[in-house]
Amino acid sequence: MDHALGIDASASSTGSIASSTSISVSASTRSSLSSSGLSIASTTSSTTSSATATLLTSTAVPATASGQPSSTSSSAPNSVGVPTSTPAEKSLKPRAVFAHVIVGNTYNYTIKSWATDIALAASKGIDAFALNVGNDAWEPSQVAYAYAAAGQYNAKLSGTNGTTTASGFNTTASGPFKLFLSFDMSSLPCAAATDVQPLQTYIAAYANNTSQMTYNGRVLVSTFAGEACTFGAGSLNQAWVNAVKPVNSSLPDVWFVPSFFVDPQTFPSLPVLDGAFHWNSGWPMGNYNISFAPDTSYISKLGGNRTYMAASSPWFFTHYGPDTFNKNFIYRGDDWLFAARWEQLVQNRTAVPFTEVVSWNDFGESHYVGPVSGVQPMSQAWVNGFDHQGWLDLMQYYISAYKTGAYPTITKDRVFLWGRLYPANASAPADTVGKPANYQWTQDYMWAITLLPTPANVTLSCGNTTQTTLAPAGLTKLKLPLTLPGSTASCAAKAVVARGRTTALTFAPAGYTFSARPPSYNFNAFVAASPL
C-alpha cells in the first residue's frame, strides 16, 4: 500500500536548519510509502587531482565538562538552537518516542523475533511500537505475537533509574515497552458501517493488556490516512466517532491521534481528534531543507488539550515500476536530514509530546532504522546490503536530549557516515524502472557526524578527496563532496579522528564504496557507525 501521499501544502521553503556550507575557492510505503553552543570548525580540504581547497562552516553542539551544551554563541549561518532545561520544562509530561512498524513486513516473525526488535528499540530509548496493521488475514496473529513479546520483555524489567550505555553517554532507562495500534486505512476498508468492526475488535482485545500504550488514561490509537473514510456516516468526524468512540458502547475510551492528510484548518471541525500525527513533517516536501513550519501549522490549529505527534525520518527512496506499486521517487535527505530534524524536535520539545520515527521496517521506502529482517515487499534490489542501524545509535543521542532537555555527556569518540553509493546523475541502462522522480534534489556528498568528548582533527576521505576539520567537543556535522575525477571508477570512504600525533579512531566501513557505474538506480543510503 502507498505510504506517501505527495506534497504537503503546509511545508515551507524557509527555515533551513543545520547545514554546513562548503565554499569552493578555486576556479574549477503498507510497506511500499540553545541557541546554545554552535562552533565554526576550521577545515582544510584537498583533492590531489585538482588541488581544490574548500572552506567548510560546520555547526556543532559542543559539550562542556558537565555535558551540557555550552552557551558560546556563533555567527555561523544555519545555526541550530539547543534547548536547556528550564523550570517550566520540568513540569512537562514526559516526552515519548515511538517507531512505526509495518506489521505487513513481519509475516515470518515469531515471538522471539518481536522480542529481539523490542529489546533493541528499548535499548536506544524508543518507548513503543506503533503497529501499522492492514487487511491481511494473518496480521492479527502477528499483533498477538508482538504483545506477547512485549509482555515477556516487561516482565524481565527490574527497577533501574538510569544507566550508562555502551554507546558512551548517559541516558535514562525507559520504563516498560509499550505498543499501540496504527490502523492503515490505505489497506483496511472503511466505507460501510460494518467496517468499524475489525478496528473495534483490535482495540477491545488489547485495551487492558499491560503492554498497551495509554495516554491520559485512555487507549492510544493512531492511523495512517483515514481522511476518506465514511463508515456509512455523513461526515468525517461522525465516521471516526462511530469507529473509535461509539456512543453507548462498551469499547474502552480511546485517545485518538490519527495521521489524516487534511488541511489543519479543519481540525476545529473534527472534535473526534484528541491530537494529530503529521506524517509528512518527517521530510521536506520539496528541494529545500526541513523546517519546523509544518509542525507549527498543526500545533496552532489543534489547540486546547489536544496532542501533537511529530514525525522524524532519516531518508526516503522507493523504486517500484508500473508492474508493481508504480512509485519511483525520493524525498530530499540531504544536509543531515535525520540530525537536523531531531535538533528541531529537541529545540521545540515543549510543544511536541510525541515523536514517531518513520520507520522501523518500511524497507520499500528506505527509511527503516531497524534490522533488515522479516519479509521484504519486493525491495531487495535496493535494500539488501544497506543496513541502517547506525542511525539508531545516532538517534539515541538525540532521544536523550528530547526527553530530558539536555544533551548527554559524550565519553567516547563516535563517527557516523551515510550517503548514496552512486552519483545522482549516473546512468544505469539496465534498470528499466528509470531514475526516481526528484533525483535532482540530492547532491553527491558523504554526510558525517562526530561525537567527541574532546576536540580532535577529523579527516574524511574518499579516494583522492580528503578534508580535515578541527572539530570541537560535542556533536559536529561534516560533509565530503564525492567526485570521481578522470578515469577513477570508485573510491572507498574513510574517517580518521586524531589528537596531535595520536590516532584515536580509524573508521573505514566495509561496503562504503562510491562508484561511478551503478548497476541500478539505487538511491538508498549506505549507513555506518563506528564500533561502540
Protein backbone atom coordinates (compact mmCIF):
# COMPACT_ATOMS: atom_id res chain seq x y z
CA MET A 1 0.00 0.00 0.00
CA ASP A 2 1.16 3.52 -0.71
CA HIS A 3 2.53 5.30 2.31
CA ALA A 4 3.47 8.51 0.51
CA LEU A 5 0.69 10.92 -0.23
CA GLY A 6 2.55 13.60 -2.13
CA ILE A 7 3.49 17.17 -1.33
CA ASP A 8 2.42 18.72 1.96
CA ALA A 9 0.79 22.09 1.46
CA SER A 10 1.94 23.24 4.89
CA ALA A 11 5.62 22.73 4.07
CA SER A 12 7.74 25.83 3.72
CA SER A 13 10.86 26.57 1.76
CA THR A 14 12.06 28.82 4.56
CA GLY A 15 13.66 27.88 7.84
CA SER A 16 16.59 25.86 6.60
CA ILE A 17 18.22 24.25 9.61
CA ALA A 18 21.56 22.69 10.45
CA SER A 19 23.57 22.67 7.32
CA SER A 20 27.26 23.05 6.72
CA THR A 21 28.28 25.41 3.95
CA SER A 22 31.03 24.27 1.61
CA ILE A 23 32.67 27.12 -0.33
CA SER A 24 34.98 26.41 -3.23
CA VAL A 25 37.86 28.84 -3.52
CA SER A 26 39.26 27.59 -6.81
CA ALA A 27 38.08 28.45 -10.32
CA SER A 28 37.13 24.98 -11.08
CA THR A 29 5.19 2.88 1.61
CA ARG A 30 1.73 -0.82 3.90
CA SER A 31 5.21 -1.07 3.23
CA SER A 32 5.50 0.18 -0.28
CA LEU A 33 5.39 4.88 1.49
CA SER A 34 20.04 26.50 22.54
CA SER A 35 20.53 28.57 20.67
CA SER A 36 23.35 27.40 22.88
CA GLY A 37 26.65 26.38 21.55
CA LEU A 38 27.50 26.44 17.92
CA SER A 39 31.07 26.28 16.73
CA ILE A 40 32.76 27.02 13.45
CA ALA A 41 35.15 24.20 12.75
CA SER A 42 38.36 25.04 10.96
CA THR A 43 38.57 22.86 7.88
CA THR A 44 41.07 22.17 5.17
CA SER A 45 40.26 20.09 2.12
CA SER A 46 42.30 18.83 -0.77
CA THR A 47 41.76 16.81 -3.89
CA THR A 48 45.11 15.72 -5.27
CA SER A 49 43.82 15.54 -8.81
CA SER A 50 42.55 19.14 -8.84
CA ALA A 51 44.20 20.86 -5.88
CA THR A 52 40.89 22.46 -4.95
CA ALA A 53 40.66 23.88 -1.43
CA THR A 54 37.37 24.03 0.43
CA LEU A 55 36.25 26.06 3.40
CA LEU A 56 33.61 24.30 5.47
CA THR A 57 31.41 26.01 8.00
CA SER A 58 30.05 23.31 10.25
CA THR A 59 27.60 23.55 13.09
CA ALA A 60 28.25 21.70 16.30
CA VAL A 61 26.66 21.11 19.67
CA PRO A 62 29.68 21.45 21.94
CA ALA A 63 29.64 19.83 25.35
CA THR A 64 31.04 21.44 28.44
CA ALA A 65 32.73 19.41 31.14
CA SER A 66 29.32 18.75 32.65
CA GLY A 67 27.95 17.50 29.35
CA GLN A 68 25.57 20.45 28.91
CA PRO A 69 25.64 22.44 25.68
CA SER A 70 27.87 25.46 26.07
CA SER A 71 26.45 28.97 25.95
CA THR A 72 29.02 30.27 23.49
CA SER A 73 27.17 31.74 20.54
CA SER A 74 28.31 31.66 16.95
CA SER A 75 27.69 33.71 13.88
CA ALA A 76 27.64 30.57 11.77
CA PRO A 77 24.83 30.54 9.20
CA ASN A 78 22.02 28.00 9.58
CA SER A 79 22.63 27.77 13.31
CA VAL A 80 20.89 25.14 15.39
CA GLY A 81 19.27 26.12 18.66
CA VAL A 82 19.74 23.69 21.51
CA PRO A 83 17.35 23.91 24.47
CA THR A 84 18.45 23.95 28.07
CA SER A 85 16.39 22.66 30.96
CA THR A 86 14.11 25.29 32.48
CA PRO A 87 11.72 25.23 35.45
CA ALA A 88 8.79 25.36 33.03
CA GLU A 89 10.03 22.28 31.21
CA LYS A 90 10.37 20.30 34.42
CA SER A 91 6.59 20.38 34.81
CA LEU A 92 6.02 18.79 31.41
CA LYS A 93 4.70 15.31 30.97
CA PRO A 94 7.48 13.02 29.78
CA ARG A 95 8.25 13.14 26.07
CA ALA A 96 7.73 9.81 24.30
CA VAL A 97 9.32 8.33 21.18
CA PHE A 98 7.60 5.70 19.05
CA ALA A 99 8.70 3.74 15.99
CA HIS A 100 6.34 2.92 13.12
CA VAL A 101 6.34 -0.83 12.46
CA ILE A 102 4.79 -2.27 9.29
CA VAL A 103 3.17 -5.47 10.51
CA GLY A 104 2.76 -6.42 6.87
CA ASN A 105 6.53 -6.99 6.71
CA THR A 106 6.55 -9.43 9.63
CA TYR A 107 4.85 -12.44 8.03
CA ASN A 108 7.55 -14.87 9.20
CA TYR A 109 8.10 -13.33 12.65
CA THR A 110 7.95 -15.38 15.82
CA ILE A 111 7.54 -14.13 19.37
CA LYS A 112 11.32 -14.32 19.60
CA SER A 113 11.68 -12.10 16.52
CA TRP A 114 9.44 -9.49 18.10
CA ALA A 115 11.32 -9.79 21.38
CA THR A 116 14.62 -9.11 19.61
CA ASP A 117 13.25 -5.98 17.95
CA ILE A 118 11.64 -4.73 21.15
CA ALA A 119 14.84 -5.16 23.17
CA LEU A 120 16.85 -3.34 20.50
CA ALA A 121 14.38 -0.47 20.24
CA ALA A 122 14.11 -0.07 24.01
CA SER A 123 17.90 -0.01 24.35
CA LYS A 124 18.00 3.07 22.09
CA GLY A 125 15.35 4.99 24.02
CA ILE A 126 12.27 4.12 21.96
CA ASP A 127 9.22 3.80 24.19
CA ALA A 128 6.71 2.00 21.97
CA PHE A 129 6.00 0.49 18.58
CA ALA A 130 3.12 1.87 16.55
CA LEU A 131 1.80 -1.28 14.91
CA ASN A 132 0.69 -0.46 11.38
CA VAL A 133 -1.99 -3.06 10.71
CA GLY A 134 -3.82 -3.66 7.47
CA ASN A 135 -6.17 -6.10 5.84
CA ASP A 136 -4.06 -9.27 5.60
CA ALA A 137 -5.77 -12.17 7.32
CA TRP A 138 -2.57 -13.23 9.11
CA GLU A 139 -1.81 -9.89 10.72
CA PRO A 140 -3.89 -10.35 13.91
CA SER A 141 -1.63 -13.29 14.79
CA GLN A 142 1.47 -11.15 14.42
CA VAL A 143 -0.07 -8.41 16.57
CA ALA A 144 -0.71 -11.04 19.23
CA TYR A 145 2.93 -12.16 18.99
CA ALA A 146 4.07 -8.55 19.42
CA TYR A 147 2.02 -8.06 22.57
CA ALA A 148 3.23 -11.39 23.95
CA ALA A 149 6.85 -10.41 23.31
CA ALA A 150 6.37 -7.01 24.93
CA GLY A 151 4.84 -8.71 27.94
CA GLN A 152 7.83 -11.00 28.25
CA TYR A 153 10.24 -8.08 27.93
CA ASN A 154 8.44 -6.03 30.53
CA ALA A 155 8.24 -8.96 32.96
CA LYS A 156 12.04 -9.10 32.96
CA LEU A 157 12.49 -5.43 33.78
CA SER A 158 13.87 -4.61 37.18
CA GLY A 159 13.68 -1.22 38.85
CA THR A 160 16.50 0.88 37.43
CA ASN A 161 16.58 4.65 37.41
CA GLY A 162 19.32 5.21 34.88
CA THR A 163 22.26 3.69 33.12
CA THR A 164 25.35 4.46 31.11
CA THR A 165 25.17 2.54 27.88
CA ALA A 166 27.92 1.16 25.72
CA SER A 167 27.30 3.98 23.26
CA GLY A 168 29.37 6.17 25.54
CA PHE A 169 26.92 8.65 27.02
CA ASN A 170 24.42 8.74 29.85
CA THR A 171 20.80 8.00 29.21
CA THR A 172 17.73 7.49 31.32
CA ALA A 173 16.39 3.97 31.41
CA SER A 174 12.95 3.80 29.89
CA GLY A 175 10.01 2.18 31.57
CA PRO A 176 8.09 -0.78 30.23
CA PHE A 177 7.99 -1.04 26.46
CA LYS A 178 4.55 -0.33 25.02
CA LEU A 179 2.58 -0.99 21.85
CA PHE A 180 -0.36 0.70 20.19
CA LEU A 181 -2.41 0.20 17.05
CA SER A 182 -1.98 2.37 13.97
CA PHE A 183 -4.69 1.39 11.52
CA ASP A 184 -3.55 1.52 7.91
CA MET A 185 -6.57 2.98 6.19
CA SER A 186 -4.92 2.67 2.80
CA SER A 187 -5.48 -1.06 3.30
CA LEU A 188 -8.43 -1.53 5.66
CA PRO A 189 -11.92 -0.98 4.23
CA CYS A 190 -13.84 1.93 5.72
CA ALA A 191 -16.86 2.68 3.53
CA ALA A 192 -19.55 0.55 5.17
CA ALA A 193 -20.88 0.90 8.70
CA THR A 194 -19.77 -2.66 9.44
CA ASP A 195 -16.16 -1.80 8.59
CA VAL A 196 -15.73 -0.45 12.12
CA GLN A 197 -15.77 -3.99 13.49
CA PRO A 198 -12.14 -5.03 12.80
CA LEU A 199 -10.89 -1.78 14.36
CA GLN A 200 -13.04 -2.17 17.44
CA THR A 201 -12.06 -5.82 17.79
CA TYR A 202 -8.38 -4.85 17.85
CA ILE A 203 -8.95 -2.05 20.38
CA ALA A 204 -11.01 -4.20 22.73
CA ALA A 205 -8.58 -7.11 22.52
CA TYR A 206 -5.59 -5.14 23.83
CA ALA A 207 -7.09 -2.29 25.84
CA ASN A 208 -6.34 -3.99 29.16
CA ASN A 209 -3.05 -5.51 28.12
CA THR A 210 -0.26 -4.38 30.41
CA SER A 211 1.84 -3.51 27.36
CA GLN A 212 -0.81 -1.29 25.79
CA MET A 213 0.23 2.36 25.40
CA THR A 214 -2.21 4.71 27.07
CA TYR A 215 -2.36 8.48 27.38
CA ASN A 216 -4.45 10.45 29.86
CA GLY A 217 -5.90 7.12 30.99
CA ARG A 218 -7.12 6.20 27.51
CA VAL A 219 -6.01 3.68 24.90
CA LEU A 220 -3.74 5.39 22.37
CA VAL A 221 -4.90 4.74 18.78
CA SER A 222 -3.46 6.15 15.58
CA THR A 223 -3.82 5.70 11.83
CA PHE A 224 -2.09 6.03 8.56
CA ALA A 225 -4.56 8.07 6.47
CA GLY A 226 -8.31 7.66 7.04
CA GLU A 227 -9.43 11.08 5.90
CA ALA A 228 -11.52 9.46 3.12
CA CYS A 229 -13.32 7.07 5.44
CA THR A 230 -17.08 7.28 5.98
CA PHE A 231 -18.02 4.07 7.82
CA GLY A 232 -21.52 4.73 6.48
CA ALA A 233 -21.71 8.17 8.13
CA GLY A 234 -22.31 11.56 6.61
CA SER A 235 -19.15 13.30 7.79
CA LEU A 236 -15.51 12.54 8.55
CA ASN A 237 -15.97 13.39 12.20
CA GLN A 238 -19.01 11.15 12.64
CA ALA A 239 -17.29 8.37 10.72
CA TRP A 240 -14.49 8.19 13.26
CA VAL A 241 -16.82 8.68 16.21
CA ASN A 242 -18.58 5.55 15.01
CA ALA A 243 -15.27 3.72 14.59
CA VAL A 244 -13.35 4.55 17.77
CA LYS A 245 -15.72 6.45 20.08
CA PRO A 246 -19.16 4.94 19.51
CA VAL A 247 -21.94 6.17 21.78
CA ASN A 248 -23.44 3.69 24.27
CA SER A 249 -20.67 1.20 23.60
CA SER A 250 -18.53 -0.97 25.83
CA LEU A 251 -15.46 -0.01 23.79
CA PRO A 252 -12.71 1.34 26.07
CA ASP A 253 -12.01 5.06 25.99
CA VAL A 254 -9.62 5.97 23.19
CA TRP A 255 -7.08 8.79 22.84
CA PHE A 256 -7.25 9.22 19.07
CA VAL A 257 -4.19 10.70 17.29
CA PRO A 258 -4.51 9.82 13.60
CA SER A 259 -2.46 10.80 10.58
CA PHE A 260 -5.13 12.38 8.39
CA PHE A 261 -3.86 14.07 5.25
CA VAL A 262 -6.07 17.13 5.61
CA ASP A 263 -5.61 20.86 5.90
CA PRO A 264 -5.00 21.61 9.60
CA GLN A 265 -7.58 24.38 9.26
CA THR A 266 -10.15 21.58 9.52
CA PHE A 267 -9.02 20.44 12.98
CA PRO A 268 -11.52 22.61 14.88
CA SER A 269 -14.34 20.89 12.98
CA LEU A 270 -13.08 17.44 14.00
CA PRO A 271 -13.74 17.11 17.74
CA VAL A 272 -13.20 13.34 17.46
CA LEU A 273 -9.48 14.12 17.33
CA ASP A 274 -7.56 14.05 20.59
CA GLY A 275 -4.48 15.00 18.61
CA ALA A 276 -2.87 14.69 15.21
CA PHE A 277 0.13 12.89 13.77
CA HIS A 278 1.82 14.87 11.00
CA TRP A 279 3.26 12.09 8.87
CA ASN A 280 4.83 14.34 6.25
CA SER A 281 6.62 16.51 8.82
CA GLY A 282 9.49 14.00 8.73
CA TRP A 283 10.81 15.17 5.34
CA PRO A 284 11.00 18.41 3.39
CA MET A 285 8.33 18.25 0.72
CA GLY A 286 10.49 19.96 -1.86
CA ASN A 287 14.04 20.86 -2.79
CA TYR A 288 14.88 22.66 0.45
CA ASN A 289 15.95 21.84 3.99
CA ILE A 290 13.50 20.61 6.59
CA SER A 291 11.64 23.22 8.61
CA PHE A 292 9.51 23.26 11.75
CA ALA A 293 6.88 25.32 9.92
CA PRO A 294 4.68 22.31 9.04
CA ASP A 295 4.67 21.31 12.71
CA THR A 296 3.66 24.82 13.72
CA SER A 297 0.75 24.73 11.30
CA TYR A 298 -0.60 21.64 13.07
CA ILE A 299 0.15 22.76 16.60
CA SER A 300 -1.52 26.14 16.13
CA LYS A 301 -4.75 24.57 14.91
CA LEU A 302 -5.01 21.72 17.42
CA GLY A 303 -5.39 23.97 20.45
CA GLY A 304 -6.76 23.01 23.82
CA ASN A 305 -5.55 19.76 25.34
CA ARG A 306 -5.02 18.01 22.04
CA THR A 307 -1.74 16.17 21.49
CA TYR A 308 0.65 16.81 18.64
CA MET A 309 2.73 13.92 17.31
CA ALA A 310 5.64 14.80 15.04
CA ALA A 311 7.40 12.54 12.56
CA SER A 312 11.14 12.02 12.25
CA SER A 313 12.60 10.12 9.33
CA PRO A 314 16.13 9.67 8.01
CA TRP A 315 15.54 9.07 4.30
CA PHE A 316 13.03 8.30 1.56
CA PHE A 317 13.57 6.39 -1.66
CA THR A 318 11.21 3.97 -3.35
CA HIS A 319 11.75 2.27 -6.71
CA TYR A 320 8.75 0.30 -7.91
CA GLY A 321 7.85 0.06 -11.58
CA PRO A 322 4.41 0.16 -13.21
CA ASP A 323 4.16 -3.62 -12.97
CA THR A 324 4.14 -3.48 -9.14
CA PHE A 325 3.35 -0.47 -6.92
CA ASN A 326 4.30 2.14 -9.55
CA LYS A 327 6.09 4.53 -7.19
CA ASN A 328 9.59 5.69 -8.03
CA PHE A 329 10.77 8.86 -6.29
CA ILE A 330 12.83 10.36 -3.49
CA TYR A 331 12.31 12.97 -0.82
CA ARG A 332 15.27 15.21 -0.08
CA GLY A 333 17.51 13.60 2.55
CA ASP A 334 20.50 15.93 2.21
CA ASP A 335 22.05 18.19 4.85
CA TRP A 336 21.94 15.62 7.63
CA LEU A 337 18.14 15.34 7.48
CA PHE A 338 17.77 12.98 10.45
CA ALA A 339 20.03 15.02 12.72
CA ALA A 340 18.53 18.33 11.62
CA ARG A 341 15.04 17.05 12.28
CA TRP A 342 15.91 15.76 15.73
CA GLU A 343 17.53 19.08 16.61
CA GLN A 344 14.27 20.81 15.72
CA LEU A 345 12.36 18.42 17.94
CA VAL A 346 14.75 18.90 20.84
CA GLN A 347 14.57 22.66 20.46
CA ASN A 348 10.76 22.59 20.35
CA ARG A 349 10.21 19.74 22.80
CA THR A 350 7.77 21.74 24.94
CA ALA A 351 5.31 21.69 22.02
CA VAL A 352 5.94 18.11 20.88
CA PRO A 353 4.98 15.47 23.44
CA PHE A 354 5.16 12.60 20.95
CA THR A 355 7.60 11.82 18.14
CA GLU A 356 7.13 8.85 15.84
CA VAL A 357 10.11 7.56 13.88
CA VAL A 358 9.17 6.63 10.34
CA SER A 359 10.08 3.90 10.25
CA TRP A 360 11.36 0.77 11.94
CA ASN A 361 10.95 -1.57 8.99
CA ASP A 362 9.44 0.08 5.93
CA PHE A 363 12.00 -1.33 3.53
CA GLY A 364 10.11 -0.36 0.40
CA GLU A 365 10.59 3.33 1.19
CA SER A 366 14.16 3.00 2.51
CA HIS A 367 13.54 4.84 5.79
CA TYR A 368 13.95 1.82 8.07
CA VAL A 369 16.20 2.18 11.13
CA GLY A 370 15.73 -1.35 12.45
CA PRO A 371 17.41 -4.51 11.19
CA VAL A 372 16.60 -5.87 7.75
CA SER A 373 14.52 -8.85 8.78
CA GLY A 374 11.08 -10.26 8.17
CA VAL A 375 9.71 -10.27 4.64
CA GLN A 376 10.59 -7.51 2.20
CA PRO A 377 7.95 -6.10 -0.18
CA MET A 378 9.95 -6.76 -3.36
CA SER A 379 12.53 -4.19 -2.25
CA GLN A 380 15.57 -6.47 -2.10
CA ALA A 381 17.18 -4.77 -5.12
CA TRP A 382 17.76 -1.54 -3.17
CA VAL A 383 17.70 -2.77 0.45
CA ASN A 384 19.97 -5.81 0.62
CA GLY A 385 23.41 -4.74 1.80
CA PHE A 386 22.11 -1.39 3.10
CA ASP A 387 21.87 -1.76 6.86
CA HIS A 388 20.59 1.39 8.60
CA GLN A 389 21.12 0.52 12.26
CA GLY A 390 23.88 3.11 12.57
CA TRP A 391 21.09 5.69 12.64
CA LEU A 392 19.73 4.01 15.77
CA ASP A 393 22.86 4.87 17.74
CA LEU A 394 22.81 8.45 16.49
CA MET A 395 19.12 8.73 17.30
CA GLN A 396 19.76 7.55 20.86
CA TYR A 397 21.86 10.65 21.50
CA TYR A 398 19.04 12.92 20.35
CA ILE A 399 16.32 10.96 22.12
CA SER A 400 18.06 11.53 25.43
CA ALA A 401 18.09 15.29 24.79
CA TYR A 402 14.47 15.26 23.58
CA LYS A 403 13.32 13.57 26.77
CA THR A 404 15.45 15.46 29.28
CA GLY A 405 16.08 18.85 27.68
CA ALA A 406 19.86 18.44 27.91
CA TYR A 407 22.29 16.75 25.56
CA PRO A 408 24.03 13.80 27.24
CA THR A 409 27.66 13.57 28.18
CA ILE A 410 29.86 12.09 25.47
CA THR A 411 32.60 9.80 26.76
CA LYS A 412 33.70 8.03 23.59
CA ASP A 413 34.60 9.07 20.05
CA ARG A 414 31.93 8.06 17.56
CA VAL A 415 31.70 8.68 13.82
CA PHE A 416 28.53 8.26 11.75
CA LEU A 417 28.71 8.18 7.96
CA TRP A 418 25.98 7.87 5.37
CA GLY A 419 25.12 8.66 1.79
CA ARG A 420 24.32 7.22 -1.61
CA LEU A 421 26.79 4.90 -3.29
CA TYR A 422 26.35 6.26 -6.82
CA PRO A 423 26.28 9.71 -8.41
CA ALA A 424 22.81 11.17 -8.79
CA ASN A 425 23.41 11.86 -12.49
CA ALA A 426 24.95 8.49 -13.34
CA SER A 427 23.19 6.21 -15.80
CA ALA A 428 22.08 2.63 -15.26
CA PRO A 429 20.79 1.48 -18.64
CA ALA A 430 19.83 -1.97 -17.36
CA ASP A 431 17.34 -0.50 -14.87
CA THR A 432 14.05 -0.32 -16.75
CA VAL A 433 12.24 1.41 -13.87
CA GLY A 434 14.27 4.53 -14.59
CA LYS A 435 15.63 7.31 -12.44
CA PRO A 436 13.47 8.24 -9.47
CA ALA A 437 11.48 11.44 -9.62
CA ASN A 438 13.14 14.33 -7.78
CA TYR A 439 16.61 12.85 -8.22
CA GLN A 440 17.86 16.38 -8.91
CA TRP A 441 17.12 17.27 -5.27
CA THR A 442 20.10 15.37 -3.91
CA GLN A 443 23.82 16.12 -4.16
CA ASP A 444 26.81 13.79 -4.13
CA TYR A 445 28.12 14.05 -0.58
CA MET A 446 29.14 11.77 2.22
CA TRP A 447 27.32 13.04 5.28
CA ALA A 448 29.15 12.69 8.59
CA ILE A 449 28.55 13.38 12.26
CA THR A 450 31.13 13.12 15.02
CA LEU A 451 30.50 12.78 18.73
CA LEU A 452 33.69 13.74 20.54
CA PRO A 453 34.45 14.08 24.26
CA THR A 454 37.31 16.49 23.46
CA PRO A 455 38.35 18.43 20.34
CA ALA A 456 40.07 16.47 17.58
CA ASN A 457 41.10 16.65 13.96
CA VAL A 458 38.64 14.69 11.84
CA THR A 459 39.75 13.64 8.36
CA LEU A 460 37.16 12.44 5.88
CA SER A 461 38.34 10.88 2.66
CA CYS A 462 37.19 9.00 -0.39
CA GLY A 463 39.97 8.18 -2.79
CA ASN A 464 41.99 11.31 -3.58
CA THR A 465 39.46 13.66 -1.98
CA THR A 466 40.34 14.45 1.63
CA GLN A 467 39.15 17.00 4.12
CA THR A 468 40.44 17.68 7.63
CA THR A 469 38.38 19.57 10.21
CA LEU A 470 39.29 20.69 13.70
CA ALA A 471 36.09 19.55 15.35
CA PRO A 472 35.14 20.76 18.84
CA ALA A 473 33.92 18.58 21.66
CA GLY A 474 30.30 17.60 21.22
CA LEU A 475 28.40 16.88 18.02
CA THR A 476 29.74 18.21 14.72
CA LYS A 477 28.22 17.87 11.25
CA LEU A 478 30.59 17.44 8.33
CA LYS A 479 30.22 16.63 4.66
CA LEU A 480 32.64 15.48 2.00
CA PRO A 481 31.97 16.10 -1.70
CA LEU A 482 32.18 12.85 -3.61
CA THR A 483 33.81 13.23 -7.01
CA LEU A 484 35.47 10.67 -9.24
CA PRO A 485 37.89 12.62 -11.43
CA GLY A 486 39.34 11.31 -14.65
CA SER A 487 39.13 7.59 -15.12
CA THR A 488 38.56 6.85 -11.44
CA ALA A 489 35.74 4.35 -11.19
CA SER A 490 35.25 4.25 -7.43
CA CYS A 491 36.54 5.35 -4.03
CA ALA A 492 36.28 3.95 -0.51
CA ALA A 493 35.00 6.10 2.35
CA LYS A 494 37.12 6.61 5.44
CA ALA A 495 37.18 8.72 8.59
CA VAL A 496 40.07 9.30 10.98
CA VAL A 497 39.94 11.03 14.38
CA ALA A 498 43.30 12.26 15.68
CA ARG A 499 44.64 14.34 18.54
CA GLY A 500 48.15 15.56 17.98
CA ARG A 501 50.17 12.60 16.74
CA THR A 502 47.78 10.08 18.23
CA THR A 503 45.15 8.45 16.04
CA ALA A 504 42.13 7.88 18.25
CA LEU A 505 39.87 6.24 15.66
CA THR A 506 40.13 4.95 12.12
CA PHE A 507 36.85 4.01 10.51
CA ALA A 508 36.69 2.54 7.01
CA PRO A 509 33.32 0.77 6.83
CA ALA A 510 33.26 -2.28 4.60
CA GLY A 511 30.98 -1.74 1.64
CA TYR A 512 31.03 2.05 1.68
CA THR A 513 32.36 2.47 -1.85
CA PHE A 514 31.22 5.32 -4.06
CA SER A 515 31.11 4.10 -7.65
CA ALA A 516 30.59 5.85 -10.98
CA ARG A 517 28.91 2.82 -12.51
CA PRO A 518 25.62 1.95 -10.75
CA PRO A 519 24.08 -1.43 -11.59
CA SER A 520 20.68 0.17 -10.98
CA TYR A 521 19.16 3.48 -9.90
CA ASN A 522 19.62 2.77 -6.21
CA PHE A 523 19.22 5.98 -4.20
CA ASN A 524 19.09 4.21 -0.82
CA ALA A 525 21.54 5.38 1.83
CA PHE A 526 24.53 3.35 2.97
CA VAL A 527 24.78 3.95 6.73
CA ALA A 528 27.69 3.12 9.01
CA ALA A 529 28.59 3.89 12.62
CA SER A 530 31.97 3.36 14.20
CA PRO A 531 32.02 0.48 16.69
CA LEU A 532 30.90 1.01 20.25
